[in-house]
Amino acid sequence: MYVANGVHDFVWFLIVGGFAGWLASVLVTGGGLGILADIAVGVAGAVLGGFIADGLNWYVYGFWGVLGISIMGAVILLMIFRIFFGSRQKIVVR
């Protein structure tokens, strides 16, 4: 059934995007941004990474390749945001 397969693919897309966004935000900012922001950064990073890979004629196969390109794109995206908007430090009350 195509609808179930489409929903399954979409859920995996969000899970991988969330993980890629979270890992990229940990690498760039030192901590996660929150689940919705991590998913948004990961999905946008996957799109950006796909464009970069296509422009460089890189062929990405499998889960690990897609995850790596998504993380690369998300890191680049967060670095661009940091250049334009600066670093926002989290205030931790203890």
PDB file of N, CA and C in Angstrom:
ATOM      1  N   MET A   1       0.841  -1.169   0.000  1.00  0.00           N
ATOM      2  CA  MET A   1       0.000   0.000   0.000  1.00  0.00           C
ATOM      3  C   MET A   1       0.891   1.238   0.000  1.00  0.00           C
ATOM      4  N   TYR A   2       0.710   2.128  -0.941  1.00  0.00           N
ATOM      5  CA  TYR A   2       1.586   3.279  -1.135  1.00  0.00           C
ATOM      6  C   TYR A   2       1.454   4.304  -0.018  1.00  0.00           C
ATOM      7  N   VAL A   3       0.252   4.534   0.482  1.00  0.00           N
ATOM      8  CA  VAL A   3       0.047   5.550   1.511  1.00  0.00           C
ATOM      9  C   VAL A   3       0.816   5.172   2.771  1.00  0.00           C
ATOM     10  N   ALA A   4       0.735   3.923   3.185  1.00  0.00           N
ATOM     11  CA  ALA A   4       1.450   3.488   4.381  1.00  0.00           C
ATOM     12  C   ALA A   4       2.953   3.609   4.169  1.00  0.00           C
ATOM     13  N   ASN A   5       3.424   3.271   2.993  1.00  0.00           N
ATOM     14  CA  ASN A   5       4.848   3.392   2.700  1.00  0.00           C
ATOM     15  C   ASN A   5       5.260   4.860   2.704  1.00  0.00           C
ATOM     16  N   GLY A   6       4.433   5.758   2.190  1.00  0.00           N
ATOM     17  CA  GLY A   6       4.732   7.178   2.184  1.00  0.00           C
ATOM     18  C   GLY A   6       4.797   7.748   3.588  1.00  0.00           C
ATOM     19  N   VAL A   7       3.871   7.325   4.454  1.00  0.00           N
ATOM     20  CA  VAL A   7       3.864   7.784   5.844  1.00  0.00           C
ATOM     21  C   VAL A   7       5.100   7.250   6.560  1.00  0.00           C
ATOM     22  N   HIS A   8       5.441   6.003   6.316  1.00  0.00           N
ATOM     23  CA  HIS A   8       6.626   5.391   6.910  1.00  0.00           C
ATOM     24  C   HIS A   8       7.882   6.144   6.491  1.00  0.00           C
ATOM     25  N   ASP A   9       8.013   6.465   5.224  1.00  0.00           N
ATOM     26  CA  ASP A   9       9.173   7.218   4.735  1.00  0.00           C
ATOM     27  C   ASP A   9       9.221   8.616   5.347  1.00  0.00           C
ATOM     28  N   PHE A  10       8.070   9.264   5.477  1.00  0.00           N
ATOM     29  CA  PHE A  10       8.018  10.597   6.066  1.00  0.00           C
ATOM     30  C   PHE A  10       8.448  10.574   7.530  1.00  0.00           C
ATOM     31  N   VAL A  11       8.005   9.576   8.279  1.00  0.00           N
ATOM     32  CA  VAL A  11       8.385   9.454   9.686  1.00  0.00           C
ATOM     33  C   VAL A  11       9.891   9.231   9.801  1.00  0.00           C
ATOM     34  N   TRP A  12      10.454   8.375   8.955  1.00  0.00           N
ATOM     35  CA  TRP A  12      11.905   8.157   8.978  1.00  0.00           C
ATOM     36  C   TRP A  12      12.652   9.419   8.574  1.00  0.00           C
ATOM     37  N   PHE A  13      12.109  10.169   7.637  1.00  0.00           N
ATOM     38  CA  PHE A  13      12.705  11.437   7.222  1.00  0.00           C
ATOM     39  C   PHE A  13      12.784  12.400   8.401  1.00  0.00           C
ATOM     40  N   LEU A  14      11.722  12.471   9.212  1.00  0.00           N
ATOM     41  CA  LEU A  14      11.715  13.342  10.387  1.00  0.00           C
ATOM     42  C   LEU A  14      12.662  12.838  11.467  1.00  0.00           C
ATOM     43  N   ILE A  15      12.742  11.526  11.656  1.00  0.00           N
ATOM     44  CA  ILE A  15      13.639  10.966  12.665  1.00  0.00           C
ATOM     45  C   ILE A  15      15.095  11.224  12.292  1.00  0.00           C
ATOM     46  N   VAL A  16      15.457  10.936  11.055  1.00  0.00           N
ATOM     47  CA  VAL A  16      16.831  11.170  10.599  1.00  0.00           C
ATOM     48  C   VAL A  16      17.134  12.664  10.604  1.00  0.00           C
ATOM     49  N   GLY A  17      16.182  13.493  10.178  1.00  0.00           N
ATOM     50  CA  GLY A  17      16.369  14.939  10.215  1.00  0.00           C
ATOM     51  C   GLY A  17      16.565  15.452  11.628  1.00  0.00           C
ATOM     52  N   GLY A  18      15.789  14.948  12.560  1.00  0.00           N
ATOM     53  CA  GLY A  18      15.935  15.344  13.959  1.00  0.00           C
ATOM     54  C   GLY A  18      17.282  14.948  14.528  1.00  0.00           C
ATOM     55  N   PHE A  19      17.727  13.736  14.222  1.00  0.00           N
ATOM     56  CA  PHE A  19      19.028  13.284  14.711  1.00  0.00           C
ATOM     57  C   PHE A  19      20.159  14.094  14.082  1.00  0.00           C
ATOM     58  N   ALA A  20      20.072  14.336  12.777  1.00  0.00           N
ATOM     59  CA  ALA A  20      21.099  15.128  12.097  1.00  0.00           C
ATOM     60  C   ALA A  20      21.120  16.555  12.618  1.00  0.00           C
ATOM     61  N   GLY A  21      19.963  17.157  12.822  1.00  0.00           N
ATOM     62  CA  GLY A  21      19.890  18.512  13.364  1.00  0.00           C
ATOM     63  C   GLY A  21      20.415  18.597  14.778  1.00  0.00           C
ATOM     64  N   TRP A  22      20.081  17.608  15.602  1.00  0.00           N
ATOM     65  CA  TRP A  22      20.564  17.594  16.967  1.00  0.00           C
ATOM     66  C   TRP A  22      22.087  17.462  17.005  1.00  0.00           C
ATOM     67  N   LEU A  23      22.625  16.528  16.227  1.00  0.00           N
ATOM     68  CA  LEU A  23      24.068  16.325  16.208  1.00  0.00           C
ATOM     69  C   LEU A  23      24.798  17.561  15.675  1.00  0.00           C
ATOM     70  N   ALA A  24      24.253  18.180  14.640  1.00  0.00           N
ATOM     71  CA  ALA A  24      24.858  19.403  14.104  1.00  0.00           C
ATOM     72  C   ALA A  24      24.804  20.533  15.120  1.00  0.00           C
ATOM     73  N   SER A  25      23.697  20.676  15.844  1.00  0.00           N
ATOM     74  CA  SER A  25      23.596  21.744  16.838  1.00  0.00           C
ATOM     75  C   SER A  25      24.531  21.494  18.014  1.00  0.00           C
ATOM     76  N   VAL A  26      24.758  20.238  18.357  1.00  0.00           N
ATOM     77  CA  VAL A  26      25.732  19.925  19.405  1.00  0.00           C
ATOM     78  C   VAL A  26      27.141  20.276  18.929  1.00  0.00           C
ATOM     79  N   LEU A  27      27.452  19.972  17.676  1.00  0.00           N
ATOM     80  CA  LEU A  27      28.776  20.273  17.139  1.00  0.00           C
ATOM     81  C   LEU A  27      29.025  21.769  17.015  1.00  0.00           C
ATOM     82  N   VAL A  28      28.012  22.536  16.618  1.00  0.00           N
ATOM     83  CA  VAL A  28      28.204  23.964  16.350  1.00  0.00           C
ATOM     84  C   VAL A  28      27.941  24.808  17.587  1.00  0.00           C
ATOM     85  N   THR A  29      26.856  24.563  18.295  1.00  0.00           N
ATOM     86  CA  THR A  29      26.480  25.436  19.408  1.00  0.00           C
ATOM     87  C   THR A  29      26.777  24.831  20.769  1.00  0.00           C
ATOM     88  N   GLY A  30      27.111  23.573  20.841  1.00  0.00           N
ATOM     89  CA  GLY A  30      27.418  22.951  22.120  1.00  0.00           C
ATOM     90  C   GLY A  30      26.225  22.314  22.798  1.00  0.00           C
ATOM     91  N   GLY A  31      25.064  22.362  22.193  1.00  0.00           N
ATOM     92  CA  GLY A  31      23.872  21.749  22.780  1.00  0.00           C
ATOM     93  C   GLY A  31      22.739  21.732  21.789  1.00  0.00           C
ATOM     94  N   GLY A  32      21.737  20.944  22.068  1.00  0.00           N
ATOM     95  CA  GLY A  32      20.581  20.871  21.190  1.00  0.00           C
ATOM     96  C   GLY A  32      19.774  22.154  21.201  1.00  0.00           C
ATOM     97  N   LEU A  33      18.983  22.358  20.179  1.00  0.00           N
ATOM     98  CA  LEU A  33      18.171  23.564  20.044  1.00  0.00           C
ATOM     99  C   LEU A  33      16.723  23.344  20.469  1.00  0.00           C
ATOM    100  N   GLY A  34      16.362  22.135  20.760  1.00  0.00           N
ATOM    101  CA  GLY A  34      14.969  21.776  21.016  1.00  0.00           C
ATOM    102  C   GLY A  34      14.512  20.859  19.895  1.00  0.00           C
ATOM    103  N   ILE A  35      13.563  20.011  20.156  1.00  0.00           N
ATOM    104  CA  ILE A  35      13.213  18.972  19.200  1.00  0.00           C
ATOM    105  C   ILE A  35      12.696  19.521  17.873  1.00  0.00           C
ATOM    106  N   LEU A  36      11.833  20.523  17.921  1.00  0.00           N
ATOM    107  CA  LEU A  36      11.293  21.061  16.669  1.00  0.00           C
ATOM    108  C   LEU A  36      12.362  21.802  15.875  1.00  0.00           C
ATOM    109  N   ALA A  37      13.193  22.578  16.564  1.00  0.00           N
ATOM    110  CA  ALA A  37      14.269  23.299  15.873  1.00  0.00           C
ATOM    111  C   ALA A  37      15.297  22.321  15.322  1.00  0.00           C
ATOM    112  N   ASP A  38      15.603  21.254  16.071  1.00  0.00           N
ATOM    113  CA  ASP A  38      16.557  20.252  15.586  1.00  0.00           C
ATOM    114  C   ASP A  38      16.034  19.562  14.330  1.00  0.00           C
ATOM    115  N   ILE A  39      14.745  19.232  14.319  1.00  0.00           N
ATOM    116  CA  ILE A  39      14.152  18.603  13.137  1.00  0.00           C
ATOM    117  C   ILE A  39      14.190  19.565  11.960  1.00  0.00           C
ATOM    118  N   ALA A  40      13.830  20.833  12.194  1.00  0.00           N
ATOM    119  CA  ALA A  40      13.836  21.825  11.112  1.00  0.00           C
ATOM    120  C   ALA A  40      15.237  22.027  10.557  1.00  0.00           C
ATOM    121  N   VAL A  41      16.232  22.135  11.436  1.00  0.00           N
ATOM    122  CA  VAL A  41      17.618  22.311  10.992  1.00  0.00           C
ATOM    123  C   VAL A  41      18.095  21.069  10.250  1.00  0.00           C
ATOM    124  N   GLY A  42      17.741  19.892  10.742  1.00  0.00           N
ATOM    125  CA  GLY A  42      18.156  18.652  10.085  1.00  0.00           C
ATOM    126  C   GLY A  42      17.543  18.484   8.707  1.00  0.00           C
ATOM    127  N   VAL A  43      16.261  18.797   8.572  1.00  0.00           N
ATOM    128  CA  VAL A  43      15.590  18.675   7.270  1.00  0.00           C
ATOM    129  C   VAL A  43      16.146  19.708   6.295  1.00  0.00           C
ATOM    130  N   ALA A  44      16.309  20.958   6.760  1.00  0.00           N
ATOM    131  CA  ALA A  44      16.889  21.986   5.896  1.00  0.00           C
ATOM    132  C   ALA A  44      18.337  21.639   5.554  1.00  0.00           C
ATOM    133  N   GLY A  45      19.063  21.070   6.505  1.00  0.00           N
ATOM    134  CA  GLY A  45      20.433  20.635   6.248  1.00  0.00           C
ATOM    135  C   GLY A  45      20.500  19.500   5.242  1.00  0.00           C
ATOM    136  N   ALA A  46      19.515  18.612   5.273  1.00  0.00           N
ATOM    137  CA  ALA A  46      19.472  17.527   4.297  1.00  0.00           C
ATOM    138  C   ALA A  46      19.270  18.073   2.893  1.00  0.00           C
ATOM    139  N   VAL A  47      18.405  19.074   2.772  1.00  0.00           N
ATOM    140  CA  VAL A  47      18.170  19.698   1.463  1.00  0.00           C
ATOM    141  C   VAL A  47      19.439  20.407   0.995  1.00  0.00           C
ATOM    142  N   LEU A  48      20.057  21.194   1.884  1.00  0.00           N
ATOM    143  CA  LEU A  48      21.284  21.903   1.534  1.00  0.00           C
ATOM    144  C   LEU A  48      22.405  20.927   1.207  1.00  0.00           C
ATOM    145  N   GLY A  49      22.564  19.894   2.009  1.00  0.00           N
ATOM    146  CA  GLY A  49      23.580  18.879   1.744  1.00  0.00           C
ATOM    147  C   GLY A  49      23.341  18.160   0.429  1.00  0.00           C
ATOM    148  N   GLY A  50      22.077  17.923   0.094  1.00  0.00           N
ATOM    149  CA  GLY A  50      21.752  17.297  -1.197  1.00  0.00           C
ATOM    150  C   GLY A  50      22.144  18.176  -2.366  1.00  0.00           C
ATOM    151  N   PHE A  51      21.886  19.489  -2.242  1.00  0.00           N
ATOM    152  CA  PHE A  51      22.297  20.406  -3.304  1.00  0.00           C
ATOM    153  C   PHE A  51      23.812  20.459  -3.445  1.00  0.00           C
ATOM    154  N   ILE A  52      24.512  20.484  -2.319  1.00  0.00           N
ATOM    155  CA  ILE A  52      25.980  20.515  -2.360  1.00  0.00           C
ATOM    156  C   ILE A  52      26.526  19.234  -2.970  1.00  0.00           C
ATOM    157  N   ALA A  53      26.008  18.092  -2.544  1.00  0.00           N
ATOM    158  CA  ALA A  53      26.469  16.812  -3.080  1.00  0.00           C
ATOM    159  C   ALA A  53      26.199  16.715  -4.575  1.00  0.00           C
ATOM    160  N   ASP A  54      25.038  17.196  -4.999  1.00  0.00           N
ATOM    161  CA  ASP A  54      24.705  17.175  -6.420  1.00  0.00           C
ATOM    162  C   ASP A  54      25.629  18.089  -7.213  1.00  0.00           C
ATOM    163  N   GLY A  55      25.937  19.267  -6.650  1.00  0.00           N
ATOM    164  CA  GLY A  55      26.829  20.199  -7.325  1.00  0.00           C
ATOM    165  C   GLY A  55      28.244  19.675  -7.447  1.00  0.00           C
ATOM    166  N   LEU A  56      28.671  18.857  -6.481  1.00  0.00           N
ATOM    167  CA  LEU A  56      30.017  18.284  -6.509  1.00  0.00           C
ATOM    168  C   LEU A  56      30.055  16.904  -7.168  1.00  0.00           C
ATOM    169  N   ASN A  57      28.927  16.467  -7.704  1.00  0.00           N
ATOM    170  CA  ASN A  57      28.789  15.146  -8.336  1.00  0.00           C
ATOM    171  C   ASN A  57      29.124  14.009  -7.375  1.00  0.00           C
ATOM    172  N   TRP A  58      28.750  14.171  -6.114  1.00  0.00           N
ATOM    173  CA  TRP A  58      28.896  13.105  -5.134  1.00  0.00           C
ATOM    174  C   TRP A  58      27.639  12.254  -5.174  1.00  0.00           C
ATOM    175  N   TYR A  59      27.813  10.967  -5.122  1.00  0.00           N
ATOM    176  CA  TYR A  59      26.686  10.041  -5.091  1.00  0.00           C
ATOM    177  C   TYR A  59      26.583   9.472  -3.688  1.00  0.00           C
ATOM    178  N   VAL A  60      25.436   9.642  -3.066  1.00  0.00           N
ATOM    179  CA  VAL A  60      25.222   9.244  -1.678  1.00  0.00           C
ATOM    180  C   VAL A  60      24.296   8.042  -1.665  1.00  0.00           C
ATOM    181  N   TYR A  61      24.729   6.982  -0.990  1.00  0.00           N
ATOM    182  CA  TYR A  61      23.932   5.762  -0.913  1.00  0.00           C
ATOM    183  C   TYR A  61      23.783   5.334   0.533  1.00  0.00           C
ATOM    184  N   GLY A  62      22.660   4.796   0.861  1.00  0.00           N
ATOM    185  CA  GLY A  62      22.431   4.183   2.155  1.00  0.00           C
ATOM    186  C   GLY A  62      22.161   5.164   3.276  1.00  0.00           C
ATOM    187  N   PHE A  63      21.810   4.596   4.404  1.00  0.00           N
ATOM    188  CA  PHE A  63      21.447   5.373   5.586  1.00  0.00           C
ATOM    189  C   PHE A  63      22.592   6.254   6.055  1.00  0.00           C
ATOM    190  N   TRP A  64      23.794   5.692   6.183  1.00  0.00           N
ATOM    191  CA  TRP A  64      24.927   6.441   6.719  1.00  0.00           C
ATOM    192  C   TRP A  64      25.359   7.565   5.791  1.00  0.00           C
ATOM    193  N   GLY A  65      25.272   7.341   4.490  1.00  0.00           N
ATOM    194  CA  GLY A  65      25.603   8.403   3.546  1.00  0.00           C
ATOM    195  C   GLY A  65      24.625   9.558   3.629  1.00  0.00           C
ATOM    196  N   VAL A  66      23.340   9.238   3.694  1.00  0.00           N
ATOM    197  CA  VAL A  66      22.308  10.274   3.811  1.00  0.00           C
ATOM    198  C   VAL A  66      22.447  11.012   5.135  1.00  0.00           C
ATOM    199  N   LEU A  67      22.702  10.280   6.211  1.00  0.00           N
ATOM    200  CA  LEU A  67      22.880  10.923   7.510  1.00  0.00           C
ATOM    201  C   LEU A  67      24.106  11.839   7.492  1.00  0.00           C
ATOM    202  N   GLY A  68      25.192  11.389   6.902  1.00  0.00           N
ATOM    203  CA  GLY A  68      26.404  12.207   6.828  1.00  0.00           C
ATOM    204  C   GLY A  68      26.197  13.479   6.031  1.00  0.00           C
ATOM    205  N   ILE A  69      25.533  13.377   4.892  1.00  0.00           N
ATOM    206  CA  ILE A  69      25.253  14.565   4.075  1.00  0.00           C
ATOM    207  C   ILE A  69      24.295  15.499   4.807  1.00  0.00           C
ATOM    208  N   SER A  70      23.321  14.942   5.521  1.00  0.00           N
ATOM    209  CA  SER A  70      22.385  15.768   6.285  1.00  0.00           C
ATOM    210  C   SER A  70      23.104  16.517   7.395  1.00  0.00           C
ATOM    211  N   ILE A  71      23.997  15.849   8.099  1.00  0.00           N
ATOM    212  CA  ILE A  71      24.760  16.505   9.162  1.00  0.00           C
ATOM    213  C   ILE A  71      25.656  17.583   8.576  1.00  0.00           C
ATOM    214  N   MET A  72      26.322  17.288   7.456  1.00  0.00           N
ATOM    215  CA  MET A  72      27.185  18.274   6.814  1.00  0.00           C
ATOM    216  C   MET A  72      26.383  19.516   6.430  1.00  0.00           C
ATOM    217  N   GLY A  73      25.234  19.333   5.812  1.00  0.00           N
ATOM    218  CA  GLY A  73      24.396  20.455   5.422  1.00  0.00           C
ATOM    219  C   GLY A  73      23.886  21.238   6.614  1.00  0.00           C
ATOM    220  N   ALA A  74      23.504  20.534   7.694  1.00  0.00           N
ATOM    221  CA  ALA A  74      23.000  21.206   8.891  1.00  0.00           C
ATOM    222  C   ALA A  74      24.101  22.002   9.584  1.00  0.00           C
ATOM    223  N   VAL A  75      25.330  21.469   9.618  1.00  0.00           N
ATOM    224  CA  VAL A  75      26.452  22.203  10.210  1.00  0.00           C
ATOM    225  C   VAL A  75      26.722  23.473   9.412  1.00  0.00           C
ATOM    226  N   ILE A  76      26.730  23.372   8.099  1.00  0.00           N
ATOM    227  CA  ILE A  76      26.939  24.553   7.253  1.00  0.00           C
ATOM    228  C   ILE A  76      25.836  25.575   7.484  1.00  0.00           C
ATOM    229  N   LEU A  77      24.604  25.110   7.552  1.00  0.00           N
ATOM    230  CA  LEU A  77      23.472  26.004   7.789  1.00  0.00           C
ATOM    231  C   LEU A  77      23.592  26.718   9.132  1.00  0.00           C
ATOM    232  N   LEU A  78      23.946  25.996  10.182  1.00  0.00           N
ATOM    233  CA  LEU A  78      24.095  26.610  11.501  1.00  0.00           C
ATOM    234  C   LEU A  78      25.273  27.582  11.542  1.00  0.00           C
ATOM    235  N   MET A  79      26.336  27.273  10.823  1.00  0.00           N
ATOM    236  CA  MET A  79      27.475  28.190  10.774  1.00  0.00           C
ATOM    237  C   MET A  79      27.096  29.479  10.050  1.00  0.00           C
ATOM    238  N   ILE A  80      26.300  29.375   8.996  1.00  0.00           N
ATOM    239  CA  ILE A  80      25.827  30.566   8.286  1.00  0.00           C
ATOM    240  C   ILE A  80      24.935  31.399   9.204  1.00  0.00           C
ATOM    241  N   PHE A  81      24.019  30.749   9.932  1.00  0.00           N
ATOM    242  CA  PHE A  81      23.173  31.467  10.884  1.00  0.00           C
ATOM    243  C   PHE A  81      24.009  32.146  11.959  1.00  0.00           C
ATOM    244  N   ARG A  82      25.041  31.467  12.436  1.00  0.00           N
ATOM    245  CA  ARG A  82      25.900  32.045  13.469  1.00  0.00           C
ATOM    246  C   ARG A  82      26.636  33.275  12.945  1.00  0.00           C
ATOM    247  N   ILE A  83      27.054  33.255  11.684  1.00  0.00           N
ATOM    248  CA  ILE A  83      27.746  34.408  11.091  1.00  0.00           C
ATOM    249  C   ILE A  83      26.803  35.609  11.035  1.00  0.00           C
ATOM    250  N   PHE A  84      25.568  35.387  10.581  1.00  0.00           N
ATOM    251  CA  PHE A  84      24.636  36.499  10.407  1.00  0.00           C
ATOM    252  C   PHE A  84      23.955  36.953  11.697  1.00  0.00           C
ATOM    253  N   PHE A  85      23.649  36.036  12.589  1.00  0.00           N
ATOM    254  CA  PHE A  85      22.884  36.380  13.779  1.00  0.00           C
ATOM    255  C   PHE A  85      23.686  36.325  15.069  1.00  0.00           C
ATOM    256  N   GLY A  86      24.908  35.865  15.016  1.00  0.00           N
ATOM    257  CA  GLY A  86      25.741  35.788  16.210  1.00  0.00           C
ATOM    258  C   GLY A  86      25.397  34.594  17.066  1.00  0.00           C
ATOM    259  N   SER A  87      26.184  34.410  18.094  1.00  0.00           N
ATOM    260  CA  SER A  87      25.993  33.291  19.012  1.00  0.00           C
ATOM    261  C   SER A  87      25.086  33.721  20.148  1.00  0.00           C
ATOM    262  N   ARG A  88      24.099  32.939  20.417  1.00  0.00           N
ATOM    263  CA  ARG A  88      23.202  33.193  21.557  1.00  0.00           C
ATOM    264  C   ARG A  88      23.499  32.160  22.628  1.00  0.00           C
ATOM    265  N   GLN A  89      23.977  32.645  23.740  1.00  0.00           N
ATOM    266  CA  GLN A  89      24.327  31.751  24.843  1.00  0.00           C
ATOM    267  C   GLN A  89      23.065  31.406  25.628  1.00  0.00           C
ATOM    268  N   LYS A  90      22.961  30.167  26.034  1.00  0.00           N
ATOM    269  CA  LYS A  90      21.849  29.750  26.873  1.00  0.00           C
ATOM    270  C   LYS A  90      22.160  30.131  28.315  1.00  0.00           C
ATOM    271  N   ILE A  91      21.163  30.607  29.022  1.00  0.00           N
ATOM    272  CA  ILE A  91      21.329  30.961  30.428  1.00  0.00           C
ATOM    273  C   ILE A  91      20.823  29.775  31.257  1.00  0.00           C
ATOM    274  N   VAL A  92      21.709  29.234  32.068  1.00  0.00           N
ATOM    275  CA  VAL A  92      21.357  28.093  32.886  1.00  0.00           C
ATOM    276  C   VAL A  92      21.283  28.555  34.332  1.00  0.00           C
ATOM    277  N   VAL A  93      20.152  28.336  34.971  1.00  0.00           N
ATOM    278  CA  VAL A  93      19.962  28.703  36.369  1.00  0.00           C
ATOM    279  C   VAL A  93      20.141  27.448  37.189  1.00  0.00           C
ATOM    280  N   ARG A  94      21.049  27.535  38.136  1.00  0.00           N
ATOM    281  CA  ARG A  94      21.301  26.357  38.988  1.00  0.00           C
ATOM    282  C   ARG A  94      20.998  26.649  40.413  1.00  0.00           C
TER     283      ARG A  94
END
